[in-house]
Amino acid sequence: MTTNKLFRECLDQVSETTKAELDLSFAIADRIDYLLKKKGMTQRMLAKQLGKNESEISKWLTGRHNFTTNTLARLALALGEEVVSVP
């Protein structure tokens, strides 16, 4: 996560719940980005496979998207690996 002073000051003013939600959201976006690179896929390729617009995939990768379990399952199938695992 960024070390920008203003960002840190803003982050210090949000609740622990919000921080946890942001951390998880960014982690999911990072995982999707990692899997795309690992598979040699582009955002456009993933969008086509999921029947989405490339701009939507791009938005997902900003780390500010609230993924549903349905979307996470579809992503796992499209990427051939779990995006999120539950112990």
PDB file of N, CA and C in Angstrom:
ATOM      1  N   MET A   1       0.839  -1.176   0.000  1.00  0.00           N
ATOM      2  CA  MET A   1       0.000   0.000   0.000  1.00  0.00           C
ATOM      3  C   MET A   1       0.886   1.241   0.000  1.00  0.00           C
ATOM      4  N   THR A   2       0.385   2.307  -0.498  1.00  0.00           N
ATOM      5  CA  THR A   2       1.157   3.531  -0.655  1.00  0.00           C
ATOM      6  C   THR A   2       1.602   4.129   0.680  1.00  0.00           C
ATOM      7  N   THR A   3       2.694   4.881   0.638  1.00  0.00           N
ATOM      8  CA  THR A   3       3.188   5.536   1.846  1.00  0.00           C
ATOM      9  C   THR A   3       2.987   7.045   1.769  1.00  0.00           C
ATOM     10  N   ASN A   4       2.160   7.495   0.861  1.00  0.00           N
ATOM     11  CA  ASN A   4       1.842   8.907   0.722  1.00  0.00           C
ATOM     12  C   ASN A   4       1.319   9.452   2.052  1.00  0.00           C
ATOM     13  N   LYS A   5       1.893  10.581   2.514  1.00  0.00           N
ATOM     14  CA  LYS A   5       1.541  11.146   3.819  1.00  0.00           C
ATOM     15  C   LYS A   5       0.055  11.490   3.915  1.00  0.00           C
ATOM     16  N   LEU A   6      -0.492  12.147   2.916  1.00  0.00           N
ATOM     17  CA  LEU A   6      -1.906  12.513   2.939  1.00  0.00           C
ATOM     18  C   LEU A   6      -2.786  11.274   2.986  1.00  0.00           C
ATOM     19  N   PHE A   7      -2.431  10.261   2.206  1.00  0.00           N
ATOM     20  CA  PHE A   7      -3.194   9.017   2.208  1.00  0.00           C
ATOM     21  C   PHE A   7      -3.177   8.395   3.596  1.00  0.00           C
ATOM     22  N   ARG A   8      -1.998   8.355   4.223  1.00  0.00           N
ATOM     23  CA  ARG A   8      -1.871   7.789   5.568  1.00  0.00           C
ATOM     24  C   ARG A   8      -2.709   8.576   6.582  1.00  0.00           C
ATOM     25  N   GLU A   9      -2.714   9.889   6.451  1.00  0.00           N
ATOM     26  CA  GLU A   9      -3.511  10.720   7.363  1.00  0.00           C
ATOM     27  C   GLU A   9      -4.996  10.419   7.200  1.00  0.00           C
ATOM     28  N   CYS A  10      -5.437  10.263   5.985  1.00  0.00           N
ATOM     29  CA  CYS A  10      -6.839   9.921   5.726  1.00  0.00           C
ATOM     30  C   CYS A  10      -7.155   8.533   6.258  1.00  0.00           C
ATOM     31  N   LEU A  11      -6.254   7.604   6.037  1.00  0.00           N
ATOM     32  CA  LEU A  11      -6.458   6.232   6.491  1.00  0.00           C
ATOM     33  C   LEU A  11      -6.542   6.157   8.012  1.00  0.00           C
ATOM     34  N   ASP A  12      -5.800   7.002   8.693  1.00  0.00           N
ATOM     35  CA  ASP A  12      -5.833   7.023  10.155  1.00  0.00           C
ATOM     36  C   ASP A  12      -7.194   7.447  10.694  1.00  0.00           C
ATOM     37  N   GLN A  13      -8.022   8.043   9.854  1.00  0.00           N
ATOM     38  CA  GLN A  13      -9.310   8.541  10.305  1.00  0.00           C
ATOM     39  C   GLN A  13     -10.475   7.608   9.978  1.00  0.00           C
ATOM     40  N   VAL A  14     -10.203   6.472   9.378  1.00  0.00           N
ATOM     41  CA  VAL A  14     -11.277   5.525   9.076  1.00  0.00           C
ATOM     42  C   VAL A  14     -11.285   4.414  10.117  1.00  0.00           C
ATOM     43  N   SER A  15     -12.410   3.761  10.234  1.00  0.00           N
ATOM     44  CA  SER A  15     -12.575   2.707  11.234  1.00  0.00           C
ATOM     45  C   SER A  15     -11.726   1.482  10.893  1.00  0.00           C
ATOM     46  N   GLU A  16     -11.508   0.661  11.893  1.00  0.00           N
ATOM     47  CA  GLU A  16     -10.766  -0.588  11.691  1.00  0.00           C
ATOM     48  C   GLU A  16     -11.501  -1.502  10.717  1.00  0.00           C
ATOM     49  N   THR A  17     -12.815  -1.474  10.758  1.00  0.00           N
ATOM     50  CA  THR A  17     -13.607  -2.282   9.832  1.00  0.00           C
ATOM     51  C   THR A  17     -13.362  -1.845   8.394  1.00  0.00           C
ATOM     52  N   THR A  18     -13.380  -0.550   8.162  1.00  0.00           N
ATOM     53  CA  THR A  18     -13.129  -0.030   6.819  1.00  0.00           C
ATOM     54  C   THR A  18     -11.721  -0.363   6.359  1.00  0.00           C
ATOM     55  N   LYS A  19     -10.754  -0.247   7.255  1.00  0.00           N
ATOM     56  CA  LYS A  19      -9.372  -0.610   6.914  1.00  0.00           C
ATOM     57  C   LYS A  19      -9.283  -2.074   6.506  1.00  0.00           C
ATOM     58  N   ALA A  20      -9.963  -2.948   7.260  1.00  0.00           N
ATOM     59  CA  ALA A  20      -9.938  -4.383   6.952  1.00  0.00           C
ATOM     60  C   ALA A  20     -10.585  -4.649   5.597  1.00  0.00           C
ATOM     61  N   GLU A  21     -11.694  -3.956   5.309  1.00  0.00           N
ATOM     62  CA  GLU A  21     -12.368  -4.116   4.024  1.00  0.00           C
ATOM     63  C   GLU A  21     -11.465  -3.665   2.883  1.00  0.00           C
ATOM     64  N   LEU A  22     -10.791  -2.536   3.062  1.00  0.00           N
ATOM     65  CA  LEU A  22      -9.881  -2.030   2.028  1.00  0.00           C
ATOM     66  C   LEU A  22      -8.712  -2.982   1.802  1.00  0.00           C
ATOM     67  N   ASP A  23      -8.139  -3.481   2.891  1.00  0.00           N
ATOM     68  CA  ASP A  23      -7.016  -4.410   2.770  1.00  0.00           C
ATOM     69  C   ASP A  23      -7.425  -5.655   1.979  1.00  0.00           C
ATOM     70  N   LEU A  24      -8.595  -6.198   2.288  1.00  0.00           N
ATOM     71  CA  LEU A  24      -9.066  -7.387   1.582  1.00  0.00           C
ATOM     72  C   LEU A  24      -9.350  -7.078   0.115  1.00  0.00           C
ATOM     73  N   SER A  25      -9.965  -5.960  -0.138  1.00  0.00           N
ATOM     74  CA  SER A  25     -10.280  -5.568  -1.507  1.00  0.00           C
ATOM     75  C   SER A  25      -9.013  -5.397  -2.345  1.00  0.00           C
ATOM     76  N   PHE A  26      -8.004  -4.724  -1.788  1.00  0.00           N
ATOM     77  CA  PHE A  26      -6.737  -4.552  -2.502  1.00  0.00           C
ATOM     78  C   PHE A  26      -6.026  -5.889  -2.698  1.00  0.00           C
ATOM     79  N   ALA A  27      -6.116  -6.776  -1.710  1.00  0.00           N
ATOM     80  CA  ALA A  27      -5.476  -8.088  -1.826  1.00  0.00           C
ATOM     81  C   ALA A  27      -6.116  -8.908  -2.942  1.00  0.00           C
ATOM     82  N   ILE A  28      -7.426  -8.841  -3.067  1.00  0.00           N
ATOM     83  CA  ILE A  28      -8.118  -9.565  -4.137  1.00  0.00           C
ATOM     84  C   ILE A  28      -7.714  -9.005  -5.500  1.00  0.00           C
ATOM     85  N   ALA A  29      -7.681  -7.695  -5.612  1.00  0.00           N
ATOM     86  CA  ALA A  29      -7.276  -7.071  -6.877  1.00  0.00           C
ATOM     87  C   ALA A  29      -5.844  -7.464  -7.235  1.00  0.00           C
ATOM     88  N   ASP A  30      -4.954  -7.472  -6.240  1.00  0.00           N
ATOM     89  CA  ASP A  30      -3.564  -7.879  -6.481  1.00  0.00           C
ATOM     90  C   ASP A  30      -3.485  -9.331  -6.939  1.00  0.00           C
ATOM     91  N   ARG A  31      -4.312 -10.184  -6.345  1.00  0.00           N
ATOM     92  CA  ARG A  31      -4.317 -11.608  -6.709  1.00  0.00           C
ATOM     93  C   ARG A  31      -4.792 -11.790  -8.154  1.00  0.00           C
ATOM     94  N   ILE A  32      -5.836 -11.077  -8.531  1.00  0.00           N
ATOM     95  CA  ILE A  32      -6.339 -11.165  -9.908  1.00  0.00           C
ATOM     96  C   ILE A  32      -5.259 -10.695 -10.881  1.00  0.00           C
ATOM     97  N   ASP A  33      -4.622  -9.586 -10.570  1.00  0.00           N
ATOM     98  CA  ASP A  33      -3.553  -9.062 -11.422  1.00  0.00           C
ATOM     99  C   ASP A  33      -2.410 -10.070 -11.538  1.00  0.00           C
ATOM    100  N   TYR A  34      -2.037 -10.679 -10.416  1.00  0.00           N
ATOM    101  CA  TYR A  34      -0.983 -11.694 -10.418  1.00  0.00           C
ATOM    102  C   TYR A  34      -1.360 -12.872 -11.318  1.00  0.00           C
ATOM    103  N   LEU A  35      -2.592 -13.360 -11.169  1.00  0.00           N
ATOM    104  CA  LEU A  35      -3.026 -14.506 -11.972  1.00  0.00           C
ATOM    105  C   LEU A  35      -3.109 -14.170 -13.450  1.00  0.00           C
ATOM    106  N   LEU A  36      -3.549 -12.961 -13.778  1.00  0.00           N
ATOM    107  CA  LEU A  36      -3.564 -12.541 -15.182  1.00  0.00           C
ATOM    108  C   LEU A  36      -2.153 -12.608 -15.769  1.00  0.00           C
ATOM    109  N   LYS A  37      -1.192 -12.066 -15.054  1.00  0.00           N
ATOM    110  CA  LYS A  37       0.195 -12.079 -15.533  1.00  0.00           C
ATOM    111  C   LYS A  37       0.733 -13.493 -15.620  1.00  0.00           C
ATOM    112  N   LYS A  38       0.444 -14.295 -14.616  1.00  0.00           N
ATOM    113  CA  LYS A  38       0.912 -15.690 -14.582  1.00  0.00           C
ATOM    114  C   LYS A  38       0.374 -16.480 -15.774  1.00  0.00           C
ATOM    115  N   LYS A  39      -0.871 -16.234 -16.124  1.00  0.00           N
ATOM    116  CA  LYS A  39      -1.511 -16.951 -17.236  1.00  0.00           C
ATOM    117  C   LYS A  39      -1.244 -16.298 -18.590  1.00  0.00           C
ATOM    118  N   GLY A  40      -0.575 -15.142 -18.580  1.00  0.00           N
ATOM    119  CA  GLY A  40      -0.320 -14.438 -19.835  1.00  0.00           C
ATOM    120  C   GLY A  40      -1.576 -13.866 -20.457  1.00  0.00           C
ATOM    121  N   MET A  41      -2.533 -13.521 -19.598  1.00  0.00           N
ATOM    122  CA  MET A  41      -3.810 -12.995 -20.071  1.00  0.00           C
ATOM    123  C   MET A  41      -3.847 -11.473 -19.928  1.00  0.00           C
ATOM    124  N   THR A  42      -4.598 -10.849 -20.798  1.00  0.00           N
ATOM    125  CA  THR A  42      -4.831  -9.415 -20.701  1.00  0.00           C
ATOM    126  C   THR A  42      -6.189  -9.182 -20.043  1.00  0.00           C
ATOM    127  N   GLN A  43      -6.417  -7.949 -19.636  1.00  0.00           N
ATOM    128  CA  GLN A  43      -7.728  -7.587 -19.097  1.00  0.00           C
ATOM    129  C   GLN A  43      -8.805  -7.801 -20.165  1.00  0.00           C
ATOM    130  N   ARG A  44      -8.457  -7.509 -21.388  1.00  0.00           N
ATOM    131  CA  ARG A  44      -9.396  -7.687 -22.504  1.00  0.00           C
ATOM    132  C   ARG A  44      -9.782  -9.164 -22.654  1.00  0.00           C
ATOM    133  N   MET A  45      -8.809 -10.038 -22.547  1.00  0.00           N
ATOM    134  CA  MET A  45      -9.082 -11.476 -22.669  1.00  0.00           C
ATOM    135  C   MET A  45     -10.001 -11.957 -21.541  1.00  0.00           C
ATOM    136  N   LEU A  46      -9.712 -11.499 -20.320  1.00  0.00           N
ATOM    137  CA  LEU A  46     -10.548 -11.880 -19.180  1.00  0.00           C
ATOM    138  C   LEU A  46     -11.961 -11.328 -19.344  1.00  0.00           C
ATOM    139  N   ALA A  47     -12.060 -10.089 -19.773  1.00  0.00           N
ATOM    140  CA  ALA A  47     -13.373  -9.476 -19.974  1.00  0.00           C
ATOM    141  C   ALA A  47     -14.196 -10.277 -20.981  1.00  0.00           C
ATOM    142  N   LYS A  48     -13.573 -10.667 -22.074  1.00  0.00           N
ATOM    143  CA  LYS A  48     -14.272 -11.439 -23.099  1.00  0.00           C
ATOM    144  C   LYS A  48     -14.741 -12.778 -22.536  1.00  0.00           C
ATOM    145  N   GLN A  49     -13.874 -13.427 -21.771  1.00  0.00           N
ATOM    146  CA  GLN A  49     -14.212 -14.727 -21.201  1.00  0.00           C
ATOM    147  C   GLN A  49     -15.383 -14.622 -20.218  1.00  0.00           C
ATOM    148  N   LEU A  50     -15.467 -13.493 -19.507  1.00  0.00           N
ATOM    149  CA  LEU A  50     -16.526 -13.310 -18.515  1.00  0.00           C
ATOM    150  C   LEU A  50     -17.753 -12.593 -19.063  1.00  0.00           C
ATOM    151  N   GLY A  51     -17.677 -12.153 -20.320  1.00  0.00           N
ATOM    152  CA  GLY A  51     -18.792 -11.413 -20.893  1.00  0.00           C
ATOM    153  C   GLY A  51     -18.935 -10.023 -20.290  1.00  0.00           C
ATOM    154  N   LYS A  52     -17.808  -9.405 -19.967  1.00  0.00           N
ATOM    155  CA  LYS A  52     -17.786  -8.080 -19.347  1.00  0.00           C
ATOM    156  C   LYS A  52     -17.071  -7.104 -20.267  1.00  0.00           C
ATOM    157  N   ASN A  53     -17.190  -5.821 -19.956  1.00  0.00           N
ATOM    158  CA  ASN A  53     -16.420  -4.796 -20.652  1.00  0.00           C
ATOM    159  C   ASN A  53     -15.024  -4.736 -20.042  1.00  0.00           C
ATOM    160  N   GLU A  54     -14.042  -4.434 -20.866  1.00  0.00           N
ATOM    161  CA  GLU A  54     -12.674  -4.308 -20.370  1.00  0.00           C
ATOM    162  C   GLU A  54     -12.585  -3.234 -19.286  1.00  0.00           C
ATOM    163  N   SER A  55     -13.379  -2.189 -19.401  1.00  0.00           N
ATOM    164  CA  SER A  55     -13.359  -1.119 -18.405  1.00  0.00           C
ATOM    165  C   SER A  55     -13.807  -1.622 -17.029  1.00  0.00           C
ATOM    166  N   GLU A  56     -14.709  -2.590 -17.000  1.00  0.00           N
ATOM    167  CA  GLU A  56     -15.152  -3.150 -15.725  1.00  0.00           C
ATOM    168  C   GLU A  56     -14.018  -3.939 -15.063  1.00  0.00           C
ATOM    169  N   ILE A  57     -13.294  -4.708 -15.853  1.00  0.00           N
ATOM    170  CA  ILE A  57     -12.150  -5.458 -15.316  1.00  0.00           C
ATOM    171  C   ILE A  57     -11.109  -4.475 -14.780  1.00  0.00           C
ATOM    172  N   SER A  58     -10.873  -3.414 -15.515  1.00  0.00           N
ATOM    173  CA  SER A  58      -9.934  -2.391 -15.072  1.00  0.00           C
ATOM    174  C   SER A  58     -10.361  -1.800 -13.735  1.00  0.00           C
ATOM    175  N   LYS A  59     -11.638  -1.550 -13.592  1.00  0.00           N
ATOM    176  CA  LYS A  59     -12.167  -1.021 -12.333  1.00  0.00           C
ATOM    177  C   LYS A  59     -11.949  -2.015 -11.196  1.00  0.00           C
ATOM    178  N   TRP A  60     -12.158  -3.298 -11.480  1.00  0.00           N
ATOM    179  CA  TRP A  60     -11.941  -4.323 -10.461  1.00  0.00           C
ATOM    180  C   TRP A  60     -10.512  -4.272  -9.935  1.00  0.00           C
ATOM    181  N   LEU A  61      -9.577  -4.012 -10.839  1.00  0.00           N
ATOM    182  CA  LEU A  61      -8.162  -4.059 -10.469  1.00  0.00           C
ATOM    183  C   LEU A  61      -7.688  -2.813  -9.725  1.00  0.00           C
ATOM    184  N   THR A  62      -8.570  -1.851  -9.527  1.00  0.00           N
ATOM    185  CA  THR A  62      -8.199  -0.686  -8.717  1.00  0.00           C
ATOM    186  C   THR A  62      -8.210  -1.019  -7.234  1.00  0.00           C
ATOM    187  N   GLY A  63      -8.875  -2.111  -6.870  1.00  0.00           N
ATOM    188  CA  GLY A  63      -8.945  -2.497  -5.466  1.00  0.00           C
ATOM    189  C   GLY A  63     -10.121  -1.897  -4.731  1.00  0.00           C
ATOM    190  N   ARG A  64     -11.033  -1.274  -5.452  1.00  0.00           N
ATOM    191  CA  ARG A  64     -12.170  -0.645  -4.791  1.00  0.00           C
ATOM    192  C   ARG A  64     -13.495  -1.320  -5.141  1.00  0.00           C
ATOM    193  N   HIS A  65     -13.438  -2.512  -5.686  1.00  0.00           N
ATOM    194  CA  HIS A  65     -14.655  -3.219  -6.081  1.00  0.00           C
ATOM    195  C   HIS A  65     -15.056  -4.200  -4.977  1.00  0.00           C
ATOM    196  N   ASN A  66     -16.336  -4.282  -4.702  1.00  0.00           N
ATOM    197  CA  ASN A  66     -16.853  -5.213  -3.715  1.00  0.00           C
ATOM    198  C   ASN A  66     -17.316  -6.476  -4.448  1.00  0.00           C
ATOM    199  N   PHE A  67     -16.462  -7.490  -4.474  1.00  0.00           N
ATOM    200  CA  PHE A  67     -16.742  -8.714  -5.223  1.00  0.00           C
ATOM    201  C   PHE A  67     -17.804  -9.569  -4.545  1.00  0.00           C
ATOM    202  N   THR A  68     -18.679 -10.125  -5.349  1.00  0.00           N
ATOM    203  CA  THR A  68     -19.634 -11.109  -4.845  1.00  0.00           C
ATOM    204  C   THR A  68     -18.982 -12.488  -4.916  1.00  0.00           C
ATOM    205  N   THR A  69     -19.532 -13.431  -4.185  1.00  0.00           N
ATOM    206  CA  THR A  69     -19.008 -14.795  -4.264  1.00  0.00           C
ATOM    207  C   THR A  69     -19.216 -15.362  -5.663  1.00  0.00           C
ATOM    208  N   ASN A  70     -20.284 -14.970  -6.326  1.00  0.00           N
ATOM    209  CA  ASN A  70     -20.542 -15.406  -7.696  1.00  0.00           C
ATOM    210  C   ASN A  70     -19.422 -14.947  -8.624  1.00  0.00           C
ATOM    211  N   THR A  71     -19.053 -13.680  -8.516  1.00  0.00           N
ATOM    212  CA  THR A  71     -17.989 -13.145  -9.367  1.00  0.00           C
ATOM    213  C   THR A  71     -16.660 -13.812  -9.051  1.00  0.00           C
ATOM    214  N   LEU A  72     -16.379 -14.034  -7.775  1.00  0.00           N
ATOM    215  CA  LEU A  72     -15.122 -14.698  -7.397  1.00  0.00           C
ATOM    216  C   LEU A  72     -15.066 -16.119  -7.956  1.00  0.00           C
ATOM    217  N   ALA A  73     -16.191 -16.825  -7.941  1.00  0.00           N
ATOM    218  CA  ALA A  73     -16.239 -18.179  -8.499  1.00  0.00           C
ATOM    219  C   ALA A  73     -16.019 -18.150 -10.007  1.00  0.00           C
ATOM    220  N   ARG A  74     -16.644 -17.201 -10.690  1.00  0.00           N
ATOM    221  CA  ARG A  74     -16.473 -17.076 -12.143  1.00  0.00           C
ATOM    222  C   ARG A  74     -15.028 -16.715 -12.490  1.00  0.00           C
ATOM    223  N   LEU A  75     -14.425 -15.836 -11.687  1.00  0.00           N
ATOM    224  CA  LEU A  75     -13.021 -15.472 -11.902  1.00  0.00           C
ATOM    225  C   LEU A  75     -12.113 -16.688 -11.736  1.00  0.00           C
ATOM    226  N   ALA A  76     -12.366 -17.484 -10.709  1.00  0.00           N
ATOM    227  CA  ALA A  76     -11.552 -18.678 -10.479  1.00  0.00           C
ATOM    228  C   ALA A  76     -11.625 -19.631 -11.666  1.00  0.00           C
ATOM    229  N   LEU A  77     -12.814 -19.806 -12.210  1.00  0.00           N
ATOM    230  CA  LEU A  77     -12.959 -20.673 -13.384  1.00  0.00           C
ATOM    231  C   LEU A  77     -12.244 -20.092 -14.597  1.00  0.00           C
ATOM    232  N   ALA A  78     -12.377 -18.800 -14.794  1.00  0.00           N
ATOM    233  CA  ALA A  78     -11.756 -18.152 -15.952  1.00  0.00           C
ATOM    234  C   ALA A  78     -10.235 -18.147 -15.852  1.00  0.00           C
ATOM    235  N   LEU A  79      -9.724 -18.003 -14.630  1.00  0.00           N
ATOM    236  CA  LEU A  79      -8.267 -17.920 -14.433  1.00  0.00           C
ATOM    237  C   LEU A  79      -7.637 -19.282 -14.145  1.00  0.00           C
ATOM    238  N   GLY A  80      -8.460 -20.285 -13.887  1.00  0.00           N
ATOM    239  CA  GLY A  80      -7.941 -21.619 -13.642  1.00  0.00           C
ATOM    240  C   GLY A  80      -7.312 -21.814 -12.269  1.00  0.00           C
ATOM    241  N   GLU A  81      -7.522 -20.866 -11.381  1.00  0.00           N
ATOM    242  CA  GLU A  81      -7.000 -20.949 -10.004  1.00  0.00           C
ATOM    243  C   GLU A  81      -7.908 -20.161  -9.090  1.00  0.00           C
ATOM    244  N   GLU A  82      -7.918 -20.548  -7.812  1.00  0.00           N
ATOM    245  CA  GLU A  82      -8.695 -19.813  -6.845  1.00  0.00           C
ATOM    246  C   GLU A  82      -8.179 -18.388  -6.702  1.00  0.00           C
ATOM    247  N   VAL A  83      -9.086 -17.462  -6.582  1.00  0.00           N
ATOM    248  CA  VAL A  83      -8.735 -16.075  -6.330  1.00  0.00           C
ATOM    249  C   VAL A  83      -8.659 -15.858  -4.822  1.00  0.00           C
ATOM    250  N   VAL A  84      -9.625 -16.429  -4.111  1.00  0.00           N
ATOM    251  CA  VAL A  84      -9.686 -16.354  -2.657  1.00  0.00           C
ATOM    252  C   VAL A  84      -9.906 -17.770  -2.147  1.00  0.00           C
ATOM    253  N   SER A  85      -9.180 -18.130  -1.092  1.00  0.00           N
ATOM    254  CA  SER A  85      -9.398 -19.471  -0.523  1.00  0.00           C
ATOM    255  C   SER A  85      -9.893 -19.326   0.904  1.00  0.00           C
ATOM    256  N   VAL A  86     -10.730 -20.250   1.287  1.00  0.00           N
ATOM    257  CA  VAL A  86     -11.289 -20.274   2.636  1.00  0.00           C
ATOM    258  C   VAL A  86     -10.773 -21.530   3.321  1.00  0.00           C
ATOM    259  N   PRO A  87     -10.092 -21.359   4.454  1.00  0.00           N
ATOM    260  CA  PRO A  87      -9.541 -22.533   5.150  1.00  0.00           C
ATOM    261  C   PRO A  87     -10.632 -23.427   5.720  1.00  0.00           C
TER     262      PRO A  87
END
